[in-house]
Protein backbone atom coordinates (compact mmCIF):
# COMPACT_ATOMS: atom_id res chain seq x y z
CA MET A 1 151.68 105.92 -15.31
CA ILE A 2 155.18 106.43 -14.06
CA HIS A 3 157.70 103.70 -14.51
CA PRO A 4 159.17 102.54 -11.31
CA LEU A 5 162.69 103.16 -12.62
CA GLN A 6 161.69 106.81 -13.41
CA GLU A 7 160.21 107.25 -9.90
CA THR A 8 163.50 105.94 -8.28
CA THR A 9 165.61 108.20 -10.44
CA ARG A 10 163.43 111.26 -9.46
CA CYS A 11 163.55 110.53 -5.82
CA ARG A 12 167.32 110.09 -6.01
CA THR A 13 167.85 113.46 -7.62
CA SER A 14 165.78 115.31 -5.18
CA LYS A 15 167.93 115.91 -2.18
CA PRO A 16 166.45 116.10 1.35
CA ARG A 17 167.51 118.88 3.47
CA HIS A 18 169.48 118.08 6.53
CA LEU A 19 167.75 118.45 9.93
CA LEU A 20 170.39 120.91 11.27
CA VAL A 21 169.94 123.00 8.20
CA GLN A 22 166.31 123.22 8.86
CA ALA A 23 166.57 123.89 12.62
CA LEU A 24 169.22 126.72 11.91
CA GLU A 25 167.00 128.17 9.25
CA GLN A 26 163.96 128.16 11.50
CA HIS A 27 165.93 129.98 14.27
CA LEU A 28 167.13 132.51 11.84
CA HIS A 29 163.87 133.10 10.13
CA SER A 30 162.25 133.79 13.57
CA SER A 31 164.33 136.86 13.97
CA PRO A 32 162.89 140.03 12.13
CA GLY A 33 165.03 140.99 9.10
CA LEU A 34 166.81 137.68 8.70
CA GLU A 35 164.13 135.94 6.53
CA HIS A 36 166.34 136.24 3.54
CA LEU A 37 169.14 134.24 4.92
CA LEU A 38 169.87 130.77 3.53
CA VAL A 39 171.55 127.85 5.25
CA HIS A 40 173.51 124.85 3.74
CA LYS A 41 175.89 122.24 5.09
CA ARG A 42 179.25 120.85 4.04
CA GLY A 43 181.01 118.49 6.18
CA ASN A 44 181.00 119.60 9.68
CA HIS A 45 180.14 123.22 8.87
CA LEU A 46 176.76 124.92 8.50
CA TYR A 47 176.96 128.07 6.38
CA ILE A 48 174.81 131.19 6.81
CA ALA A 49 174.59 132.90 3.37
CA HIS A 50 173.02 135.68 1.56
CA PRO A 51 171.14 134.47 -1.58
CA GLY A 52 172.77 135.20 -4.99
CA SER A 53 172.13 138.17 -7.15
CA ILE A 54 169.18 137.97 -9.65
CA GLU A 55 171.79 137.14 -12.52
CA ALA A 56 173.35 134.26 -10.52
CA PRO A 57 170.71 133.03 -7.88
CA ASP A 58 172.64 130.09 -7.26
CA GLN A 59 175.89 131.77 -6.30
CA LEU A 60 175.25 132.15 -2.49
CA ASP A 61 177.41 134.69 -0.51
CA PRO A 62 178.35 133.00 2.86
CA VAL A 63 178.83 135.36 5.84
CA LEU A 64 179.01 133.05 8.91
CA ARG A 65 180.06 129.45 9.58
CA LEU A 66 179.04 127.33 12.39
CA THR A 67 181.51 124.25 13.06
CA HIS A 68 180.68 121.24 15.08
CA ILE A 69 183.32 120.95 17.58
CA GLY A 70 181.94 117.83 19.30
CA SER A 71 178.98 116.66 21.34
CA LEU A 72 176.36 119.46 20.89
CA ARG A 73 178.86 122.36 20.65
CA TYR A 74 179.72 124.64 17.84
CA GLY A 75 182.13 127.20 17.09
CA LEU A 76 181.74 130.36 14.82
CA SER A 77 183.84 131.85 12.07
CA ILE A 78 183.11 135.01 9.95
CA ARG A 79 184.19 135.32 6.17
CA LEU A 80 186.53 138.06 5.60
CA HIS A 81 186.58 140.19 2.38
CA THR A 82 189.57 137.88 1.30
CA GLY A 83 187.30 134.74 1.36
CA ARG A 84 189.21 133.25 4.43
CA TRP A 85 187.46 132.38 7.56
CA GLU A 86 188.32 134.06 10.72
CA PRO A 87 187.48 132.22 13.93
CA VAL A 88 185.49 134.03 16.52
CA PRO A 89 186.31 133.09 20.27
CA LEU A 90 182.91 131.81 20.90
CA ASN A 91 181.39 128.31 21.28
CA GLY A 92 178.28 126.65 22.60
CA THR A 93 175.08 125.03 21.62
CA MET A 94 173.92 125.95 18.03
CA GLU A 95 171.18 128.12 19.42
CA ASP A 96 173.49 130.04 21.80
CA VAL A 97 176.05 130.66 19.01
CA LEU A 98 173.52 131.74 16.70
CA MET A 99 172.01 134.14 19.14
CA ALA A 100 175.36 135.57 19.95
CA ALA A 101 176.40 135.88 16.18
CA VAL A 102 173.10 137.77 15.31
CA LYS A 103 173.91 140.22 18.27
CA MET A 104 177.58 140.53 17.17
CA PHE A 105 177.26 140.36 13.31
CA GLY A 106 173.76 141.75 12.81
CA PRO A 107 174.86 144.47 10.06
CA TRP A 108 176.75 141.68 8.11
CA LEU A 109 173.42 139.69 8.00
CA GLU A 110 171.07 142.47 6.95
CA GLN A 111 169.42 142.04 3.61
CA ARG A 112 171.65 143.73 0.66
């Protein structure tokens, strides 16, 4: 039998995934060749990243960032080789921004 305190502790450590993360991953994974990409959220940003290497699977390599800019609108940035984020002159709904990002930056999203 599990002690109630142990059950509470276990629930506290398992972090539920944010609904926006789930929605963005579903959109990504519905496109052929993008099933490997991962999404995570930090603040107002949703990051699209390549999974880490076999040696360091927890070290994600972010490529694109969608930023909530108000209401249901998002902006887009691409990560440069320097690690800085360069805004892309594009905004719209999450789905519209994602569709445009896949068209514009498809080679950056392909599996490595």
